[in-house]
Amino acid sequence: MISYEPLWNTMKEQKVTTYALINKHGFSPHTITNLKRNNSITMNTLEKLCTILDCTADSVVKFIP
């Protein structure tokens, strides 16, 4: 199972909102919905999130066996 709980914590710490991801960084609302529902995202999206938040993948997603 995939969890994006680390993403929400990282965004909160850096004061980045989903509004900013959509309007400033060009994320689609569909992608944000996928993140909120713990659905899969592309590696490109993961890379973009890591670049925006200046973090590594483990600050965005965790895998739960």
N, C-alpha and C. Protein backbone atom coordinates (compact mmCIF):
# COMPACT_ATOMS: atom_id res chain seq x y z
N MET A 1 0.84 -1.18 0.00
CA MET A 1 0.00 0.00 0.00
C MET A 1 0.88 1.24 0.00
N ILE A 2 0.40 2.28 -0.65
CA ILE A 2 1.12 3.55 -0.74
C ILE A 2 0.43 4.56 0.16
N SER A 3 1.23 5.34 0.88
CA SER A 3 0.68 6.42 1.70
C SER A 3 1.45 7.71 1.41
N TYR A 4 0.71 8.78 1.22
CA TYR A 4 1.33 10.08 0.99
C TYR A 4 1.31 10.94 2.25
N GLU A 5 1.15 10.30 3.39
CA GLU A 5 1.19 11.03 4.66
C GLU A 5 2.46 11.87 4.81
N PRO A 6 3.63 11.34 4.43
CA PRO A 6 4.84 12.18 4.53
C PRO A 6 4.75 13.45 3.67
N LEU A 7 4.07 13.36 2.53
CA LEU A 7 3.92 14.54 1.67
C LEU A 7 3.16 15.64 2.40
N TRP A 8 2.04 15.28 3.00
CA TRP A 8 1.22 16.30 3.69
C TRP A 8 1.99 16.92 4.85
N ASN A 9 2.80 16.12 5.55
CA ASN A 9 3.62 16.65 6.64
C ASN A 9 4.70 17.59 6.10
N THR A 10 5.34 17.19 5.01
CA THR A 10 6.38 18.03 4.40
C THR A 10 5.80 19.33 3.88
N MET A 11 4.64 19.25 3.23
CA MET A 11 3.99 20.47 2.72
C MET A 11 3.62 21.40 3.87
N LYS A 12 3.12 20.83 4.96
CA LYS A 12 2.74 21.65 6.13
C LYS A 12 3.96 22.35 6.71
N GLU A 13 5.07 21.62 6.84
CA GLU A 13 6.30 22.20 7.38
C GLU A 13 6.81 23.34 6.51
N GLN A 14 6.67 23.19 5.19
CA GLN A 14 7.20 24.20 4.27
C GLN A 14 6.15 25.22 3.84
N LYS A 15 4.94 25.09 4.40
CA LYS A 15 3.85 26.01 4.11
C LYS A 15 3.53 26.07 2.61
N VAL A 16 3.47 24.88 1.99
CA VAL A 16 3.06 24.75 0.59
C VAL A 16 1.67 24.14 0.59
N THR A 17 0.75 24.78 -0.11
CA THR A 17 -0.64 24.30 -0.14
C THR A 17 -0.94 23.57 -1.45
N THR A 18 -2.03 22.82 -1.44
CA THR A 18 -2.46 22.18 -2.68
C THR A 18 -2.85 23.24 -3.70
N TYR A 19 -3.38 24.36 -3.24
CA TYR A 19 -3.70 25.47 -4.13
C TYR A 19 -2.44 25.93 -4.88
N ALA A 20 -1.33 26.05 -4.17
CA ALA A 20 -0.07 26.46 -4.80
C ALA A 20 0.40 25.40 -5.80
N LEU A 21 0.25 24.12 -5.45
CA LEU A 21 0.67 23.07 -6.39
C LEU A 21 -0.11 23.17 -7.69
N ILE A 22 -1.40 23.45 -7.59
CA ILE A 22 -2.24 23.54 -8.79
C ILE A 22 -1.97 24.84 -9.56
N ASN A 23 -2.02 25.97 -8.89
CA ASN A 23 -1.97 27.26 -9.58
C ASN A 23 -0.57 27.80 -9.85
N LYS A 24 0.38 27.48 -9.01
CA LYS A 24 1.74 27.99 -9.20
C LYS A 24 2.63 26.98 -9.93
N HIS A 25 2.42 25.69 -9.65
CA HIS A 25 3.33 24.68 -10.18
C HIS A 25 2.73 23.80 -11.27
N GLY A 26 1.47 24.02 -11.62
CA GLY A 26 0.88 23.35 -12.76
C GLY A 26 0.37 21.93 -12.55
N PHE A 27 0.17 21.52 -11.31
CA PHE A 27 -0.41 20.20 -11.06
C PHE A 27 -1.88 20.23 -11.41
N SER A 28 -2.39 19.12 -11.91
CA SER A 28 -3.82 19.06 -12.21
C SER A 28 -4.58 18.71 -10.93
N PRO A 29 -5.82 19.16 -10.84
CA PRO A 29 -6.65 18.76 -9.69
C PRO A 29 -6.79 17.25 -9.59
N HIS A 30 -6.77 16.57 -10.72
CA HIS A 30 -6.86 15.10 -10.74
C HIS A 30 -5.66 14.48 -10.01
N THR A 31 -4.48 15.02 -10.21
CA THR A 31 -3.28 14.52 -9.53
C THR A 31 -3.40 14.73 -8.03
N ILE A 32 -3.90 15.88 -7.61
CA ILE A 32 -4.08 16.16 -6.19
C ILE A 32 -5.08 15.18 -5.59
N THR A 33 -6.14 14.89 -6.32
CA THR A 33 -7.14 13.91 -5.87
C THR A 33 -6.50 12.55 -5.71
N ASN A 34 -5.66 12.14 -6.67
CA ASN A 34 -4.95 10.86 -6.56
C ASN A 34 -4.08 10.82 -5.31
N LEU A 35 -3.41 11.91 -5.01
CA LEU A 35 -2.58 11.96 -3.81
C LEU A 35 -3.43 11.84 -2.55
N LYS A 36 -4.55 12.55 -2.51
CA LYS A 36 -5.41 12.51 -1.33
C LYS A 36 -6.01 11.12 -1.11
N ARG A 37 -6.22 10.38 -2.19
CA ARG A 37 -6.81 9.05 -2.10
C ARG A 37 -5.75 7.94 -2.03
N ASN A 38 -4.48 8.32 -1.91
CA ASN A 38 -3.36 7.37 -1.87
C ASN A 38 -3.31 6.48 -3.11
N ASN A 39 -3.70 7.04 -4.26
CA ASN A 39 -3.57 6.33 -5.53
C ASN A 39 -2.18 6.54 -6.08
N SER A 40 -1.81 5.74 -7.05
CA SER A 40 -0.46 5.85 -7.60
C SER A 40 -0.30 7.12 -8.44
N ILE A 41 0.93 7.59 -8.49
CA ILE A 41 1.30 8.73 -9.32
C ILE A 41 2.50 8.32 -10.16
N THR A 42 2.83 9.10 -11.15
CA THR A 42 3.98 8.78 -12.00
C THR A 42 5.28 9.18 -11.30
N MET A 43 6.36 8.60 -11.77
CA MET A 43 7.67 8.98 -11.24
C MET A 43 7.98 10.44 -11.58
N ASN A 44 7.47 10.90 -12.71
CA ASN A 44 7.65 12.29 -13.10
C ASN A 44 7.00 13.22 -12.07
N THR A 45 5.80 12.86 -11.62
CA THR A 45 5.10 13.64 -10.60
C THR A 45 5.88 13.61 -9.29
N LEU A 46 6.37 12.45 -8.92
CA LEU A 46 7.18 12.33 -7.70
C LEU A 46 8.42 13.21 -7.78
N GLU A 47 9.08 13.17 -8.93
CA GLU A 47 10.28 13.99 -9.12
C GLU A 47 9.94 15.48 -9.01
N LYS A 48 8.83 15.87 -9.61
CA LYS A 48 8.41 17.27 -9.57
C LYS A 48 8.11 17.71 -8.13
N LEU A 49 7.42 16.86 -7.37
CA LEU A 49 7.14 17.17 -5.97
C LEU A 49 8.43 17.32 -5.17
N CYS A 50 9.37 16.41 -5.39
CA CYS A 50 10.65 16.46 -4.68
C CYS A 50 11.42 17.73 -5.02
N THR A 51 11.36 18.14 -6.27
CA THR A 51 12.05 19.37 -6.69
C THR A 51 11.41 20.59 -6.04
N ILE A 52 10.09 20.66 -6.07
CA ILE A 52 9.38 21.81 -5.49
C ILE A 52 9.62 21.90 -3.98
N LEU A 53 9.57 20.76 -3.31
CA LEU A 53 9.71 20.74 -1.85
C LEU A 53 11.16 20.58 -1.39
N ASP A 54 12.08 20.44 -2.35
CA ASP A 54 13.50 20.26 -2.04
C ASP A 54 13.69 19.14 -1.02
N CYS A 55 13.20 17.96 -1.40
CA CYS A 55 13.25 16.81 -0.49
C CYS A 55 13.52 15.53 -1.29
N THR A 56 13.55 14.43 -0.60
CA THR A 56 13.72 13.13 -1.24
C THR A 56 12.39 12.39 -1.26
N ALA A 57 12.34 11.30 -1.99
CA ALA A 57 11.09 10.53 -2.17
C ALA A 57 10.50 10.08 -0.83
N ASP A 58 11.33 9.76 0.15
CA ASP A 58 10.79 9.29 1.44
C ASP A 58 10.11 10.41 2.22
N SER A 59 10.26 11.65 1.77
CA SER A 59 9.53 12.76 2.38
C SER A 59 8.19 12.99 1.69
N VAL A 60 7.91 12.18 0.67
CA VAL A 60 6.68 12.31 -0.10
C VAL A 60 5.80 11.07 0.05
N VAL A 61 6.41 9.92 -0.02
CA VAL A 61 5.63 8.67 -0.04
C VAL A 61 6.28 7.63 0.86
N LYS A 62 5.43 6.79 1.45
CA LYS A 62 5.95 5.63 2.18
C LYS A 62 5.16 4.41 1.72
N PHE A 63 5.84 3.29 1.71
CA PHE A 63 5.25 2.04 1.30
C PHE A 63 4.96 1.20 2.51
N ILE A 64 3.73 0.74 2.61
CA ILE A 64 3.30 -0.07 3.74
C ILE A 64 3.01 -1.49 3.23
N PRO A 65 3.76 -2.47 3.71
CA PRO A 65 3.54 -3.84 3.22
C PRO A 65 2.15 -4.38 3.56
